Amino acid sequence: MARATPKQLVAEVLEGRVQGIARLISKAEAGDEDGQEALAEVFRHTGRAHIVGITGVPGSGKSTLVAALTRELRVSGKTVGIIAVDPTSPFSGGAILGDRIRMAEVAQDSGVFIRSMATHGALGGLARASLDAADVLDAAGFDIVLIETVGVGQDEVDIVRAAQTVVVISAPGLGDDIQAIKAGILEIADIHVVSKCDRSDANDTVRALRGMLKLEVALSDAPQWAPPVIRTSVPEDLGIDKLRLAIAKHRRHLESSGRMDARRRRIMETRILKTAEDMIRNRFENRRDGAVSGLLDRVLAHELNPYGAARELLTALKEEGTHEAA
């Protein structure tokens, strides 16, 4: 089969063809030059989808809840694109958890597109290609794009700068009822979800979250949005409809308050910085056997310290970029 041109790829995406969507996302992950040209054109057709980030501590049941939420969204008539961001395999470089296996039921729905993507070591746990994929799904006409992240830690909160609505999932029995708060989740969530509420100890997690949220509201000068705490249980079909409604309500709040533009601006800032980060990382990798090796020898010989070596490398990259521009 002949290789699709960037123009053909864009046409396939805009027509919502699954094969074209998948191919362009693959090109985004690979950093393919044709893919970059197609993505630039696709970007002009974005801005309609609601981008929802879903994160939470490992073991909170994110994928199970995402599948249940997707079914609920489909019943309401919405089409759904899912980007499941997983850790990178040290062997293949690909995503290792395989969310599509866990979401096998919804994956059969023609109104759902699921793609597992690797972090590729990105700072904050969210690779630049994940945001490109969100563009592709947006341009393809999906109403809701769900980005499910690896899990939350001190450095894995990039999703707040990549989504218009952020849903944070907590679960009972993970060792500490307020561990999510300690990980900085209280500040990033637009909507809190407590999963596995068929368990008796779920009430402790719900009370802890609501108590901390009340304190935050009391300390705030002018709270714009009060994040709800939603109890859910997938086996009992509890709270999934409330979550769908809360997401829709938050979008209406952003639009009516004028804060949607601020969210979009924040997302674009993240996009620019992540793209620049990728470019710099690639240039580092390309120089690994040359300049980096020489600097490493000097550092190991204690002729140069690591900070000085980093400055020399950045200077060399800057000079290289100046020569290329000329």
Protein backbone atom coordinates (compact mmCIF):
# COMPACT_ATOMS: atom_id res chain seq x y z
CA MET A 1 0.00 0.00 0.00
CA ALA A 2 1.33 3.44 -0.99
CA ARG A 3 2.48 5.70 1.79
CA ALA A 4 -0.12 8.36 2.61
CA THR A 5 0.91 11.97 2.04
CA PRO A 6 0.41 14.55 4.82
CA LYS A 7 -2.58 15.91 2.88
CA GLN A 8 -4.14 12.44 2.65
CA LEU A 9 -3.55 11.82 6.36
CA VAL A 10 -5.28 15.06 7.29
CA ALA A 11 -8.24 14.24 5.04
CA GLU A 12 -8.59 10.80 6.64
CA VAL A 13 -8.50 12.29 10.15
CA LEU A 14 -11.07 14.97 9.34
CA GLU A 15 -13.33 12.25 7.93
CA GLY A 16 -12.96 10.31 11.18
CA ARG A 17 -11.32 7.27 9.56
CA VAL A 18 -9.86 5.00 12.24
CA GLN A 19 -6.86 3.96 10.14
CA GLY A 20 -5.89 7.56 9.41
CA ILE A 21 -6.29 8.56 13.06
CA ALA A 22 -4.10 5.67 14.20
CA ARG A 23 -1.42 6.35 11.59
CA LEU A 24 -1.12 10.03 12.42
CA ILE A 25 -0.88 9.34 16.15
CA SER A 26 1.88 6.81 15.41
CA LYS A 27 3.71 9.45 13.38
CA ALA A 28 3.33 11.90 16.26
CA GLU A 29 4.95 9.39 18.61
CA ALA A 30 7.79 8.74 16.18
CA GLY A 31 8.41 12.42 15.50
CA ASP A 32 7.99 11.70 11.78
CA GLU A 33 8.54 14.75 9.53
CA ASP A 34 5.44 14.01 7.44
CA GLY A 35 3.53 13.65 10.68
CA GLN A 36 4.61 17.09 11.85
CA GLU A 37 3.37 18.63 8.62
CA ALA A 38 0.02 16.85 8.96
CA LEU A 39 -0.28 17.75 12.65
CA ALA A 40 0.27 21.42 11.82
CA GLU A 41 -2.72 21.30 9.48
CA VAL A 42 -4.82 19.22 11.88
CA PHE A 43 -4.24 21.80 14.61
CA ARG A 44 -6.21 24.34 12.57
CA HIS A 45 -9.29 22.11 12.96
CA THR A 46 -9.16 21.72 16.74
CA GLY A 47 -10.96 23.48 19.57
CA ARG A 48 -14.32 21.73 19.73
CA ALA A 49 -13.67 18.70 21.92
CA HIS A 50 -13.75 18.82 25.70
CA ILE A 51 -10.36 17.61 26.95
CA VAL A 52 -10.72 15.78 30.28
CA GLY A 53 -7.71 14.61 32.26
CA ILE A 54 -8.17 11.64 34.58
CA THR A 55 -5.49 10.82 37.11
CA GLY A 56 -5.04 9.42 40.59
CA VAL A 57 -2.84 7.25 42.75
CA PRO A 58 -1.88 3.79 41.44
CA GLY A 59 -4.49 1.23 42.42
CA SER A 60 -7.39 3.66 42.41
CA GLY A 61 -9.09 1.92 39.49
CA LYS A 62 -8.62 4.62 36.85
CA SER A 63 -8.98 2.39 33.79
CA THR A 64 -12.06 0.63 35.16
CA LEU A 65 -13.70 3.97 35.89
CA VAL A 66 -12.70 5.40 32.50
CA ALA A 67 -14.39 2.44 30.80
CA ALA A 68 -17.56 2.94 32.89
CA LEU A 69 -17.57 6.69 32.22
CA THR A 70 -17.14 6.03 28.49
CA ARG A 71 -20.18 3.76 28.47
CA GLU A 72 -22.17 6.45 30.26
CA LEU A 73 -21.02 9.12 27.79
CA ARG A 74 -21.98 6.91 24.86
CA VAL A 75 -25.47 6.37 26.28
CA SER A 76 -25.80 10.17 26.41
CA GLY A 77 -24.87 10.36 22.72
CA LYS A 78 -21.25 11.56 23.02
CA THR A 79 -18.36 10.13 21.03
CA VAL A 80 -15.24 9.47 23.07
CA GLY A 81 -11.52 9.39 22.34
CA ILE A 82 -9.30 7.86 25.03
CA ILE A 83 -5.56 8.40 25.40
CA ALA A 84 -4.23 5.99 28.01
CA VAL A 85 -0.76 7.14 29.03
CA ASP A 86 1.34 4.31 30.44
CA PRO A 87 4.92 3.97 31.69
CA THR A 88 7.48 3.25 28.99
CA SER A 89 8.85 -0.28 28.66
CA PRO A 90 12.64 -0.22 29.11
CA PHE A 91 12.88 -2.94 26.44
CA SER A 92 10.47 -1.98 23.66
CA GLY A 93 10.06 1.72 24.41
CA GLY A 94 6.29 1.23 24.18
CA ALA A 95 3.44 1.45 26.69
CA ILE A 96 3.45 -1.56 29.03
CA LEU A 97 0.09 -1.69 30.82
CA GLY A 98 -2.18 -2.22 27.84
CA ASP A 99 -5.29 -0.25 28.84
CA ARG A 100 -7.03 -1.39 25.66
CA ILE A 101 -7.11 -4.89 27.13
CA ARG A 102 -8.84 -3.61 30.26
CA MET A 103 -11.24 -1.55 28.11
CA ALA A 104 -11.99 -4.33 25.63
CA GLU A 105 -15.76 -3.91 25.90
CA VAL A 106 -15.89 -0.20 25.00
CA ALA A 107 -13.16 -0.67 22.38
CA GLN A 108 -15.70 -2.50 20.20
CA ASP A 109 -17.88 0.64 20.02
CA SER A 110 -17.48 2.55 16.73
CA GLY A 111 -18.03 5.79 18.67
CA VAL A 112 -14.94 5.15 20.82
CA PHE A 113 -11.25 5.30 19.89
CA ILE A 114 -8.63 4.08 22.39
CA ARG A 115 -4.90 4.54 22.14
CA SER A 116 -2.28 3.49 24.71
CA MET A 117 0.75 5.76 24.66
CA ALA A 118 4.06 5.69 26.49
CA THR A 119 5.49 8.54 28.55
CA HIS A 120 8.89 8.10 26.88
CA GLY A 121 10.48 9.47 30.04
CA ALA A 122 8.73 12.83 29.78
CA LEU A 123 8.99 15.01 32.85
CA GLY A 124 5.59 15.17 34.55
CA GLY A 125 4.51 11.82 33.14
CA LEU A 126 2.86 13.26 30.02
CA ALA A 127 4.62 13.04 26.66
CA ARG A 128 4.27 15.72 24.02
CA ALA A 129 2.83 13.14 21.61
CA SER A 130 -0.10 12.59 23.99
CA LEU A 131 -1.14 16.20 23.42
CA ASP A 132 -0.69 15.79 19.66
CA ALA A 133 -2.96 12.74 19.88
CA ALA A 134 -5.59 14.84 21.64
CA ASP A 135 -5.45 17.23 18.66
CA VAL A 136 -5.97 14.36 16.24
CA LEU A 137 -9.00 13.06 18.13
CA ASP A 138 -10.40 16.58 18.46
CA ALA A 139 -10.06 17.23 14.72
CA ALA A 140 -11.55 13.79 13.98
CA GLY A 141 -14.78 14.94 15.63
CA PHE A 142 -14.78 13.21 19.01
CA ASP A 143 -16.91 15.12 21.51
CA ILE A 144 -14.89 14.15 24.60
CA VAL A 145 -11.19 13.29 24.78
CA LEU A 146 -10.20 11.49 27.98
CA ILE A 147 -6.50 11.49 28.88
CA GLU A 148 -5.80 8.88 31.54
CA THR A 149 -2.36 9.37 33.08
CA VAL A 150 0.09 6.95 34.65
CA GLY A 151 -0.67 7.96 38.22
CA VAL A 152 0.01 10.85 40.52
CA GLY A 153 3.22 11.51 42.40
CA GLN A 154 4.99 14.72 43.34
CA ASP A 155 6.12 15.26 39.73
CA GLU A 156 3.23 13.68 37.83
CA VAL A 157 0.70 16.51 37.80
CA ASP A 158 1.27 17.75 34.24
CA ILE A 159 -2.28 16.75 33.38
CA VAL A 160 -3.53 19.94 35.06
CA ARG A 161 -1.73 21.92 32.35
CA ALA A 162 -3.02 19.74 29.52
CA ALA A 163 -6.76 19.37 30.18
CA GLN A 164 -9.73 21.67 30.47
CA THR A 165 -11.26 19.56 33.25
CA VAL A 166 -9.18 17.48 35.66
CA VAL A 167 -10.72 14.51 37.45
CA VAL A 168 -8.72 12.99 40.30
CA ILE A 169 -9.56 9.51 41.54
CA SER A 170 -8.83 8.36 45.08
CA ALA A 171 -9.59 4.97 46.58
CA PRO A 172 -10.00 3.65 50.11
CA GLY A 173 -7.60 1.21 51.70
CA LEU A 174 -4.40 2.38 50.00
CA GLY A 175 -2.58 3.02 53.26
CA ASP A 176 -3.42 6.64 53.92
CA ASP A 177 -6.80 8.35 53.53
CA ILE A 178 -5.21 11.69 52.63
CA GLN A 179 -2.25 10.43 50.59
CA ALA A 180 -3.71 12.08 47.50
CA ILE A 181 -3.74 15.43 49.27
CA LYS A 182 -0.08 15.00 50.20
CA ALA A 183 0.70 14.36 46.53
CA GLY A 184 -0.69 17.76 45.60
CA ILE A 185 -3.98 16.46 44.22
CA LEU A 186 -6.14 18.82 46.23
CA GLU A 187 -4.84 21.75 44.20
CA ILE A 188 -5.16 20.22 40.74
CA ALA A 189 -8.62 18.60 40.85
CA ASP A 190 -11.72 20.16 39.36
CA ILE A 191 -13.64 17.04 40.32
CA HIS A 192 -12.76 14.51 43.00
CA VAL A 193 -13.89 10.91 42.63
CA VAL A 194 -13.69 8.30 45.36
CA SER A 195 -13.78 4.89 43.70
CA LYS A 196 -14.65 1.48 45.15
CA CYS A 197 -17.36 2.97 47.39
CA ASP A 198 -18.91 -0.46 47.83
CA ARG A 199 -16.24 -0.81 50.53
CA SER A 200 -17.05 0.25 54.09
CA ASP A 201 -13.83 2.24 54.56
CA ALA A 202 -14.66 4.50 51.60
CA ASN A 203 -16.49 6.89 53.94
CA ASP A 204 -13.18 7.77 55.62
CA THR A 205 -11.67 8.86 52.31
CA VAL A 206 -14.78 10.86 51.39
CA ARG A 207 -14.79 12.63 54.76
CA ALA A 208 -11.06 13.41 54.54
CA LEU A 209 -11.41 14.96 51.10
CA ARG A 210 -14.52 16.97 51.94
CA GLY A 211 -12.92 18.22 55.14
CA MET A 212 -9.81 19.43 53.33
CA LEU A 213 -11.88 21.03 50.57
CA LYS A 214 -13.93 22.97 53.13
CA LEU A 215 -10.71 24.26 54.65
CA GLU A 216 -9.44 25.30 51.24
CA VAL A 217 -12.67 27.17 50.47
CA ALA A 218 -12.50 28.92 53.84
CA LEU A 219 -8.97 30.10 53.09
CA SER A 220 -9.80 31.23 49.56
CA ASP A 221 -10.71 34.86 48.93
CA ALA A 222 -13.07 34.19 46.05
CA PRO A 223 -13.52 30.53 45.10
CA GLN A 224 -14.55 30.25 41.44
CA TRP A 225 -15.48 26.58 41.49
CA ALA A 226 -16.16 24.22 44.37
CA PRO A 227 -14.80 20.78 43.36
CA PRO A 228 -17.41 18.12 44.12
CA VAL A 229 -16.52 14.81 45.75
CA ILE A 230 -18.33 12.02 43.91
CA ARG A 231 -18.73 8.53 45.34
CA THR A 232 -18.47 5.80 42.71
CA SER A 233 -18.56 2.03 42.47
CA VAL A 234 -18.37 0.47 39.02
CA PRO A 235 -19.79 -2.96 40.05
CA GLU A 236 -22.81 -1.22 41.61
CA ASP A 237 -23.07 1.38 38.82
CA LEU A 238 -22.86 4.04 41.52
CA GLY A 239 -22.05 7.65 40.73
CA ILE A 240 -21.00 7.24 37.10
CA ASP A 241 -23.93 9.35 35.89
CA LYS A 242 -23.07 12.01 38.49
CA LEU A 243 -19.50 12.10 37.21
CA ARG A 244 -20.68 12.63 33.64
CA LEU A 245 -22.95 15.46 34.74
CA ALA A 246 -20.21 17.05 36.87
CA ILE A 247 -17.85 17.10 33.88
CA ALA A 248 -20.49 18.78 31.73
CA LYS A 249 -21.25 21.26 34.52
CA HIS A 250 -17.59 22.18 34.87
CA ARG A 251 -17.33 22.86 31.15
CA ARG A 252 -20.36 25.15 31.33
CA HIS A 253 -18.78 26.92 34.30
CA LEU A 254 -15.54 27.51 32.38
CA GLU A 255 -17.42 28.90 29.40
CA SER A 256 -19.83 31.11 31.36
CA SER A 257 -17.12 32.49 33.65
CA GLY A 258 -14.70 33.21 30.82
CA ARG A 259 -12.10 30.88 32.33
CA MET A 260 -12.09 28.51 29.37
CA ASP A 261 -9.82 30.90 27.46
CA ALA A 262 -7.37 30.87 30.38
CA ARG A 263 -7.38 27.06 30.41
CA ARG A 264 -6.74 26.92 26.67
CA ARG A 265 -3.90 29.41 27.01
CA ARG A 266 -2.35 27.25 29.75
CA ILE A 267 -2.64 24.16 27.56
CA MET A 268 -0.93 25.93 24.66
CA GLU A 269 1.89 27.04 26.94
CA THR A 270 2.38 23.42 27.99
CA ARG A 271 2.39 22.35 24.35
CA ILE A 272 5.09 24.85 23.41
CA LEU A 273 7.31 23.96 26.38
CA LYS A 274 6.95 20.22 25.84
CA THR A 275 7.78 20.54 22.15
CA ALA A 276 10.88 22.57 22.99
CA GLU A 277 11.80 19.97 25.64
CA ASP A 278 11.56 17.21 23.03
CA MET A 279 13.70 19.14 20.55
CA ILE A 280 16.43 19.71 23.13
CA ARG A 281 16.33 16.08 24.31
CA ASN A 282 16.68 14.84 20.72
CA ARG A 283 19.67 17.07 20.15
CA PHE A 284 21.26 15.77 23.34
CA GLU A 285 20.71 12.19 22.15
CA ASN A 286 22.26 12.96 18.76
CA ARG A 287 25.40 14.26 20.45
CA ARG A 288 25.69 11.43 22.98
CA ASP A 289 28.61 9.72 21.24
CA GLY A 290 30.44 12.97 20.49
CA ALA A 291 30.38 16.02 22.71
CA VAL A 292 28.66 14.26 25.62
CA SER A 293 31.25 11.48 25.67
CA GLY A 294 34.11 13.98 25.73
CA LEU A 295 32.51 15.98 28.53
CA LEU A 296 31.88 12.77 30.47
CA ASP A 297 35.57 11.87 30.29
CA ARG A 298 36.51 15.28 31.69
CA VAL A 299 33.98 15.04 34.52
CA LEU A 300 35.17 11.55 35.49
CA ALA A 301 38.74 12.90 35.56
CA HIS A 302 37.52 15.73 37.84
CA GLU A 303 38.70 18.29 35.30
CA LEU A 304 35.14 19.60 35.07
CA ASN A 305 32.12 19.44 37.34
CA PRO A 306 28.67 18.24 36.11
CA TYR A 307 27.20 21.75 36.21
CA GLY A 308 30.04 23.14 34.11
CA ALA A 309 29.72 20.24 31.68
CA ALA A 310 26.01 20.92 31.26
CA ARG A 311 26.74 24.60 30.53
CA GLU A 312 29.30 23.65 27.89
CA LEU A 313 26.88 21.25 26.26
CA LEU A 314 24.13 23.88 26.13
CA THR A 315 26.56 26.40 24.67
CA ALA A 316 27.60 23.90 21.99
CA LEU A 317 23.98 23.20 21.13
CA LYS A 318 23.24 26.91 20.91
CA GLU A 319 26.19 27.50 18.57
CA GLU A 320 25.15 24.51 16.47
CA GLY A 321 21.62 25.92 16.20
CA THR A 322 22.99 29.34 15.17
CA HIS A 323 25.06 27.76 12.37
CA GLU A 324 22.05 25.75 11.14
CA ALA A 325 19.86 28.88 11.07
CA ALA A 326 22.53 30.73 9.07
